[in-house]
Amino acid sequence: MCLNRRNNPIVILPIAMMFLVIGILWPRIIHTASHDGQNWDDFLRGGVFGLAIGILLLTVIRLYRQCRSGQSRNSTET
């Protein structure tokens, strides 16, 4: 018996959390040399936050649908 990782949304949560951590630590890791690069820096940081929020939202929606259909969160496959 193995976990069906493709249909298990819990597996995706650490990826979303990784993007959140990258977005939070972005200003301490990436330093722009001029103010021209600041706009791109903010754009990319916002994109990382948007990606993290989108992944989390889709995970919650998939978990909700699984609970409504009566499947367990840790579905197994033989």
PDB file of N, CA and C in Angstrom:
ATOM      1  N   MET A   1       0.840  -1.178   0.000  1.00  0.00           N
ATOM      2  CA  MET A   1       0.000   0.000   0.000  1.00  0.00           C
ATOM      3  C   MET A   1       0.886   1.242   0.000  1.00  0.00           C
ATOM      4  N   CYS A   2       0.606   2.144  -0.878  1.00  0.00           N
ATOM      5  CA  CYS A   2       1.377   3.388  -0.927  1.00  0.00           C
ATOM      6  C   CYS A   2       0.407   4.566  -0.969  1.00  0.00           C
ATOM      7  N   LEU A   3       0.897   5.701  -0.536  1.00  0.00           N
ATOM      8  CA  LEU A   3       0.073   6.901  -0.577  1.00  0.00           C
ATOM      9  C   LEU A   3      -0.092   7.361  -2.013  1.00  0.00           C
ATOM     10  N   ASN A   4      -1.271   7.741  -2.356  1.00  0.00           N
ATOM     11  CA  ASN A   4      -1.543   8.273  -3.682  1.00  0.00           C
ATOM     12  C   ASN A   4      -1.163   9.755  -3.667  1.00  0.00           C
ATOM     13  N   ARG A   5       0.087  10.059  -3.955  1.00  0.00           N
ATOM     14  CA  ARG A   5       0.593  11.424  -3.831  1.00  0.00           C
ATOM     15  C   ARG A   5      -0.026  12.379  -4.849  1.00  0.00           C
ATOM     16  N   ARG A   6      -0.443  11.891  -5.964  1.00  0.00           N
ATOM     17  CA  ARG A   6      -1.003  12.773  -6.984  1.00  0.00           C
ATOM     18  C   ARG A   6      -2.336  13.365  -6.539  1.00  0.00           C
ATOM     19  N   ASN A   7      -3.125  12.601  -5.815  1.00  0.00           N
ATOM     20  CA  ASN A   7      -4.437  13.068  -5.377  1.00  0.00           C
ATOM     21  C   ASN A   7      -4.453  13.520  -3.923  1.00  0.00           C
ATOM     22  N   ASN A   8      -3.293  13.596  -3.288  1.00  0.00           N
ATOM     23  CA  ASN A   8      -3.232  14.003  -1.891  1.00  0.00           C
ATOM     24  C   ASN A   8      -2.765  15.452  -1.795  1.00  0.00           C
ATOM     25  N   PRO A   9      -3.670  16.390  -1.507  1.00  0.00           N
ATOM     26  CA  PRO A   9      -3.303  17.802  -1.480  1.00  0.00           C
ATOM     27  C   PRO A   9      -2.355  18.170  -0.336  1.00  0.00           C
ATOM     28  N   ILE A  10      -2.268  17.352   0.684  1.00  0.00           N
ATOM     29  CA  ILE A  10      -1.389  17.646   1.819  1.00  0.00           C
ATOM     30  C   ILE A  10       0.072  17.685   1.373  1.00  0.00           C
ATOM     31  N   VAL A  11       0.405  16.952   0.327  1.00  0.00           N
ATOM     32  CA  VAL A  11       1.780  16.905  -0.169  1.00  0.00           C
ATOM     33  C   VAL A  11       2.196  18.270  -0.735  1.00  0.00           C
ATOM     34  N   ILE A  12       1.252  19.057  -1.201  1.00  0.00           N
ATOM     35  CA  ILE A  12       1.541  20.337  -1.845  1.00  0.00           C
ATOM     36  C   ILE A  12       1.785  21.454  -0.819  1.00  0.00           C
ATOM     37  N   LEU A  13       1.306  21.302   0.405  1.00  0.00           N
ATOM     38  CA  LEU A  13       1.446  22.361   1.411  1.00  0.00           C
ATOM     39  C   LEU A  13       2.887  22.792   1.683  1.00  0.00           C
ATOM     40  N   PRO A  14       3.855  21.888   1.818  1.00  0.00           N
ATOM     41  CA  PRO A  14       5.236  22.360   2.047  1.00  0.00           C
ATOM     42  C   PRO A  14       5.790  23.210   0.910  1.00  0.00           C
ATOM     43  N   ILE A  15       5.343  22.969  -0.314  1.00  0.00           N
ATOM     44  CA  ILE A  15       5.784  23.782  -1.441  1.00  0.00           C
ATOM     45  C   ILE A  15       5.268  25.206  -1.294  1.00  0.00           C
ATOM     46  N   ALA A  16       4.003  25.350  -0.921  1.00  0.00           N
ATOM     47  CA  ALA A  16       3.432  26.684  -0.717  1.00  0.00           C
ATOM     48  C   ALA A  16       4.118  27.397   0.438  1.00  0.00           C
ATOM     49  N   MET A  17       4.414  26.673   1.500  1.00  0.00           N
ATOM     50  CA  MET A  17       5.102  27.287   2.637  1.00  0.00           C
ATOM     51  C   MET A  17       6.517  27.734   2.259  1.00  0.00           C
ATOM     52  N   MET A  18       7.168  26.975   1.380  1.00  0.00           N
ATOM     53  CA  MET A  18       8.499  27.358   0.917  1.00  0.00           C
ATOM     54  C   MET A  18       8.438  28.681   0.152  1.00  0.00           C
ATOM     55  N   PHE A  19       7.424  28.853  -0.698  1.00  0.00           N
ATOM     56  CA  PHE A  19       7.272  30.109  -1.419  1.00  0.00           C
ATOM     57  C   PHE A  19       6.970  31.268  -0.469  1.00  0.00           C
ATOM     58  N   LEU A  20       6.196  31.019   0.590  1.00  0.00           N
ATOM     59  CA  LEU A  20       5.944  32.068   1.579  1.00  0.00           C
ATOM     60  C   LEU A  20       7.231  32.492   2.286  1.00  0.00           C
ATOM     61  N   VAL A  21       8.040  31.539   2.658  1.00  0.00           N
ATOM     62  CA  VAL A  21       9.304  31.859   3.328  1.00  0.00           C
ATOM     63  C   VAL A  21      10.223  32.643   2.381  1.00  0.00           C
ATOM     64  N   ILE A  22      10.276  32.241   1.122  1.00  0.00           N
ATOM     65  CA  ILE A  22      11.095  32.981   0.149  1.00  0.00           C
ATOM     66  C   ILE A  22      10.595  34.414   0.012  1.00  0.00           C
ATOM     67  N   GLY A  23       9.285  34.600  -0.043  1.00  0.00           N
ATOM     68  CA  GLY A  23       8.727  35.946  -0.159  1.00  0.00           C
ATOM     69  C   GLY A  23       9.008  36.802   1.059  1.00  0.00           C
ATOM     70  N   ILE A  24       8.957  36.212   2.231  1.00  0.00           N
ATOM     71  CA  ILE A  24       9.214  36.971   3.455  1.00  0.00           C
ATOM     72  C   ILE A  24      10.688  37.346   3.567  1.00  0.00           C
ATOM     73  N   LEU A  25      11.567  36.425   3.204  1.00  0.00           N
ATOM     74  CA  LEU A  25      12.999  36.674   3.331  1.00  0.00           C
ATOM     75  C   LEU A  25      13.598  37.393   2.122  1.00  0.00           C
ATOM     76  N   TRP A  26      12.815  37.655   1.100  1.00  0.00           N
ATOM     77  CA  TRP A  26      13.296  38.258  -0.139  1.00  0.00           C
ATOM     78  C   TRP A  26      14.102  39.541   0.089  1.00  0.00           C
ATOM     79  N   PRO A  27      13.624  40.514   0.863  1.00  0.00           N
ATOM     80  CA  PRO A  27      14.395  41.760   1.011  1.00  0.00           C
ATOM     81  C   PRO A  27      15.753  41.559   1.694  1.00  0.00           C
ATOM     82  N   ARG A  28      15.891  40.541   2.493  1.00  0.00           N
ATOM     83  CA  ARG A  28      17.158  40.290   3.171  1.00  0.00           C
ATOM     84  C   ARG A  28      18.134  39.524   2.293  1.00  0.00           C
ATOM     85  N   ILE A  29      17.617  38.805   1.306  1.00  0.00           N
ATOM     86  CA  ILE A  29      18.467  37.996   0.435  1.00  0.00           C
ATOM     87  C   ILE A  29      18.860  38.768  -0.825  1.00  0.00           C
ATOM     88  N   ILE A  30      17.886  39.411  -1.459  1.00  0.00           N
ATOM     89  CA  ILE A  30      18.103  40.113  -2.727  1.00  0.00           C
ATOM     90  C   ILE A  30      18.234  41.613  -2.447  1.00  0.00           C
ATOM     91  N   HIS A  31      19.344  42.197  -2.871  1.00  0.00           N
ATOM     92  CA  HIS A  31      19.555  43.639  -2.725  1.00  0.00           C
ATOM     93  C   HIS A  31      19.721  44.242  -4.109  1.00  0.00           C
ATOM     94  N   THR A  32      18.888  45.219  -4.433  1.00  0.00           N
ATOM     95  CA  THR A  32      19.010  45.878  -5.724  1.00  0.00           C
ATOM     96  C   THR A  32      20.003  47.022  -5.611  1.00  0.00           C
ATOM     97  N   ALA A  33      20.756  47.227  -6.679  1.00  0.00           N
ATOM     98  CA  ALA A  33      21.804  48.249  -6.676  1.00  0.00           C
ATOM     99  C   ALA A  33      21.237  49.642  -6.961  1.00  0.00           C
ATOM    100  N   SER A  34      20.138  49.706  -7.683  1.00  0.00           N
ATOM    101  CA  SER A  34      19.581  51.018  -8.020  1.00  0.00           C
ATOM    102  C   SER A  34      18.075  51.008  -7.783  1.00  0.00           C
ATOM    103  N   HIS A  35      17.491  52.189  -7.923  1.00  0.00           N
ATOM    104  CA  HIS A  35      16.040  52.286  -7.750  1.00  0.00           C
ATOM    105  C   HIS A  35      15.292  51.743  -8.960  1.00  0.00           C
ATOM    106  N   ASP A  36      15.965  51.647 -10.100  1.00  0.00           N
ATOM    107  CA  ASP A  36      15.321  51.072 -11.286  1.00  0.00           C
ATOM    108  C   ASP A  36      14.997  49.597 -11.062  1.00  0.00           C
ATOM    109  N   GLY A  37      15.868  48.901 -10.381  1.00  0.00           N
ATOM    110  CA  GLY A  37      15.639  47.486 -10.106  1.00  0.00           C
ATOM    111  C   GLY A  37      14.619  47.244  -9.015  1.00  0.00           C
ATOM    112  N   GLN A  38      14.288  48.275  -8.256  1.00  0.00           N
ATOM    113  CA  GLN A  38      13.339  48.124  -7.149  1.00  0.00           C
ATOM    114  C   GLN A  38      11.951  47.735  -7.647  1.00  0.00           C
ATOM    115  N   ASN A  39      11.535  48.288  -8.781  1.00  0.00           N
ATOM    116  CA  ASN A  39      10.219  47.949  -9.318  1.00  0.00           C
ATOM    117  C   ASN A  39      10.146  46.470  -9.691  1.00  0.00           C
ATOM    118  N   TRP A  40      11.183  45.951 -10.340  1.00  0.00           N
ATOM    119  CA  TRP A  40      11.211  44.540 -10.698  1.00  0.00           C
ATOM    120  C   TRP A  40      11.309  43.667  -9.460  1.00  0.00           C
ATOM    121  N   ASP A  41      12.045  44.149  -8.473  1.00  0.00           N
ATOM    122  CA  ASP A  41      12.182  43.418  -7.219  1.00  0.00           C
ATOM    123  C   ASP A  41      10.823  43.257  -6.540  1.00  0.00           C
ATOM    124  N   ASP A  42      10.067  44.347  -6.477  1.00  0.00           N
ATOM    125  CA  ASP A  42       8.734  44.291  -5.874  1.00  0.00           C
ATOM    126  C   ASP A  42       7.791  43.418  -6.695  1.00  0.00           C
ATOM    127  N   PHE A  43       7.914  43.496  -8.015  1.00  0.00           N
ATOM    128  CA  PHE A  43       7.074  42.684  -8.899  1.00  0.00           C
ATOM    129  C   PHE A  43       7.316  41.194  -8.673  1.00  0.00           C
ATOM    130  N   LEU A  44       8.573  40.797  -8.625  1.00  0.00           N
ATOM    131  CA  LEU A  44       8.897  39.382  -8.427  1.00  0.00           C
ATOM    132  C   LEU A  44       8.515  38.902  -7.035  1.00  0.00           C
ATOM    133  N   ARG A  45       8.710  39.748  -6.037  1.00  0.00           N
ATOM    134  CA  ARG A  45       8.318  39.371  -4.668  1.00  0.00           C
ATOM    135  C   ARG A  45       6.804  39.182  -4.581  1.00  0.00           C
ATOM    136  N   GLY A  46       6.054  40.073  -5.205  1.00  0.00           N
ATOM    137  CA  GLY A  46       4.602  39.925  -5.238  1.00  0.00           C
ATOM    138  C   GLY A  46       4.165  38.678  -5.981  1.00  0.00           C
ATOM    139  N   GLY A  47       4.899  38.339  -7.044  1.00  0.00           N
ATOM    140  CA  GLY A  47       4.590  37.116  -7.776  1.00  0.00           C
ATOM    141  C   GLY A  47       4.817  35.871  -6.938  1.00  0.00           C
ATOM    142  N   VAL A  48       5.873  35.881  -6.117  1.00  0.00           N
ATOM    143  CA  VAL A  48       6.144  34.740  -5.233  1.00  0.00           C
ATOM    144  C   VAL A  48       5.035  34.613  -4.189  1.00  0.00           C
ATOM    145  N   PHE A  49       4.622  35.754  -3.612  1.00  0.00           N
ATOM    146  CA  PHE A  49       3.517  35.725  -2.644  1.00  0.00           C
ATOM    147  C   PHE A  49       2.224  35.262  -3.311  1.00  0.00           C
ATOM    148  N   GLY A  50       1.945  35.738  -4.515  1.00  0.00           N
ATOM    149  CA  GLY A  50       0.744  35.320  -5.235  1.00  0.00           C
ATOM    150  C   GLY A  50       0.735  33.831  -5.538  1.00  0.00           C
ATOM    151  N   LEU A  51       1.890  33.320  -5.921  1.00  0.00           N
ATOM    152  CA  LEU A  51       2.004  31.887  -6.184  1.00  0.00           C
ATOM    153  C   LEU A  51       1.747  31.080  -4.920  1.00  0.00           C
ATOM    154  N   ALA A  52       2.312  31.515  -3.802  1.00  0.00           N
ATOM    155  CA  ALA A  52       2.107  30.806  -2.535  1.00  0.00           C
ATOM    156  C   ALA A  52       0.637  30.835  -2.114  1.00  0.00           C
ATOM    157  N   ILE A  53       0.008  31.991  -2.218  1.00  0.00           N
ATOM    158  CA  ILE A  53      -1.397  32.110  -1.827  1.00  0.00           C
ATOM    159  C   ILE A  53      -2.283  31.278  -2.750  1.00  0.00           C
ATOM    160  N   GLY A  54      -1.982  31.284  -4.041  1.00  0.00           N
ATOM    161  CA  GLY A  54      -2.755  30.483  -4.993  1.00  0.00           C
ATOM    162  C   GLY A  54      -2.657  28.994  -4.716  1.00  0.00           C
ATOM    163  N   ILE A  55      -1.439  28.523  -4.421  1.00  0.00           N
ATOM    164  CA  ILE A  55      -1.258  27.104  -4.115  1.00  0.00           C
ATOM    165  C   ILE A  55      -2.014  26.734  -2.843  1.00  0.00           C
ATOM    166  N   LEU A  56      -1.925  27.584  -1.824  1.00  0.00           N
ATOM    167  CA  LEU A  56      -2.649  27.309  -0.571  1.00  0.00           C
ATOM    168  C   LEU A  56      -4.153  27.287  -0.794  1.00  0.00           C
ATOM    169  N   LEU A  57      -4.657  28.221  -1.593  1.00  0.00           N
ATOM    170  CA  LEU A  57      -6.090  28.273  -1.861  1.00  0.00           C
ATOM    171  C   LEU A  57      -6.563  27.032  -2.615  1.00  0.00           C
ATOM    172  N   LEU A  58      -5.806  26.619  -3.619  1.00  0.00           N
ATOM    173  CA  LEU A  58      -6.185  25.418  -4.362  1.00  0.00           C
ATOM    174  C   LEU A  58      -6.118  24.174  -3.482  1.00  0.00           C
ATOM    175  N   THR A  59      -5.167  24.129  -2.562  1.00  0.00           N
ATOM    176  CA  THR A  59      -5.071  22.992  -1.649  1.00  0.00           C
ATOM    177  C   THR A  59      -6.284  22.927  -0.731  1.00  0.00           C
ATOM    178  N   VAL A  60      -6.698  24.065  -0.206  1.00  0.00           N
ATOM    179  CA  VAL A  60      -7.877  24.094   0.667  1.00  0.00           C
ATOM    180  C   VAL A  60      -9.123  23.678  -0.107  1.00  0.00           C
ATOM    181  N   ILE A  61      -9.253  24.132  -1.341  1.00  0.00           N
ATOM    182  CA  ILE A  61     -10.414  23.757  -2.153  1.00  0.00           C
ATOM    183  C   ILE A  61     -10.421  22.252  -2.424  1.00  0.00           C
ATOM    184  N   ARG A  62      -9.252  21.678  -2.743  1.00  0.00           N
ATOM    185  CA  ARG A  62      -9.190  20.229  -2.987  1.00  0.00           C
ATOM    186  C   ARG A  62      -9.501  19.437  -1.723  1.00  0.00           C
ATOM    187  N   LEU A  63      -9.013  19.899  -0.558  1.00  0.00           N
ATOM    188  CA  LEU A  63      -9.328  19.214   0.697  1.00  0.00           C
ATOM    189  C   LEU A  63     -10.821  19.279   0.996  1.00  0.00           C
ATOM    190  N   TYR A  64     -11.423  20.431   0.749  1.00  0.00           N
ATOM    191  CA  TYR A  64     -12.857  20.592   0.973  1.00  0.00           C
ATOM    192  C   TYR A  64     -13.657  19.640   0.084  1.00  0.00           C
ATOM    193  N   ARG A  65     -13.257  19.545  -1.180  1.00  0.00           N
ATOM    194  CA  ARG A  65     -13.973  18.651  -2.093  1.00  0.00           C
ATOM    195  C   ARG A  65     -13.814  17.190  -1.696  1.00  0.00           C
ATOM    196  N   GLN A  66     -12.620  16.826  -1.197  1.00  0.00           N
ATOM    197  CA  GLN A  66     -12.421  15.449  -0.759  1.00  0.00           C
ATOM    198  C   GLN A  66     -13.272  15.142   0.461  1.00  0.00           C
ATOM    199  N   CYS A  67     -13.359  16.087   1.390  1.00  0.00           N
ATOM    200  CA  CYS A  67     -14.172  15.863   2.592  1.00  0.00           C
ATOM    201  C   CYS A  67     -15.654  15.784   2.237  1.00  0.00           C
ATOM    202  N   ARG A  68     -16.094  16.588   1.280  1.00  0.00           N
ATOM    203  CA  ARG A  68     -17.499  16.556   0.873  1.00  0.00           C
ATOM    204  C   ARG A  68     -17.852  15.249   0.181  1.00  0.00           C
ATOM    205  N   SER A  69     -16.909  14.702  -0.560  1.00  0.00           N
ATOM    206  CA  SER A  69     -17.200  13.456  -1.290  1.00  0.00           C
ATOM    207  C   SER A  69     -17.038  12.215  -0.426  1.00  0.00           C
ATOM    208  N   GLY A  70     -16.538  12.383   0.810  1.00  0.00           N
ATOM    209  CA  GLY A  70     -16.427  11.272   1.717  1.00  0.00           C
ATOM    210  C   GLY A  70     -15.115  10.536   1.660  1.00  0.00           C
ATOM    211  N   GLN A  71     -14.154  11.014   0.878  1.00  0.00           N
ATOM    212  CA  GLN A  71     -12.845  10.378   0.825  1.00  0.00           C
ATOM    213  C   GLN A  71     -12.029  10.827   2.039  1.00  0.00           C
ATOM    214  N   SER A  72     -11.123   9.963   2.456  1.00  0.00           N
ATOM    215  CA  SER A  72     -10.244  10.356   3.552  1.00  0.00           C
ATOM    216  C   SER A  72      -9.100  11.176   2.985  1.00  0.00           C
ATOM    217  N   ARG A  73      -8.450  11.972   3.852  1.00  0.00           N
ATOM    218  CA  ARG A  73      -7.326  12.794   3.414  1.00  0.00           C
ATOM    219  C   ARG A  73      -6.131  11.957   3.028  1.00  0.00           C
ATOM    220  N   ASN A  74      -5.932  10.842   3.696  1.00  0.00           N
ATOM    221  CA  ASN A  74      -4.807   9.963   3.410  1.00  0.00           C
ATOM    222  C   ASN A  74      -5.279   8.754   2.641  1.00  0.00           C
ATOM    223  N   SER A  75      -5.783   9.016   1.443  1.00  0.00           N
ATOM    224  CA  SER A  75      -6.293   7.911   0.640  1.00  0.00           C
ATOM    225  C   SER A  75      -5.150   7.000   0.229  1.00  0.00           C
ATOM    226  N   THR A  76      -5.409   5.688   0.290  1.00  0.00           N
ATOM    227  CA  THR A  76      -4.383   4.714  -0.055  1.00  0.00           C
ATOM    228  C   THR A  76      -4.818   3.955  -1.288  1.00  0.00           C
ATOM    229  N   GLU A  77      -3.841   3.426  -1.963  1.00  0.00           N
ATOM    230  CA  GLU A  77      -4.102   2.691  -3.187  1.00  0.00           C
ATOM    231  C   GLU A  77      -3.384   1.363  -3.119  1.00  0.00           C
ATOM    232  N   THR A  78      -4.034   0.288  -3.488  1.00  0.00           N
ATOM    233  CA  THR A  78      -3.391  -1.032  -3.438  1.00  0.00           C
ATOM    234  C   THR A  78      -2.838  -1.402  -4.782  1.00  0.00           C
TER     235      THR A  78
END
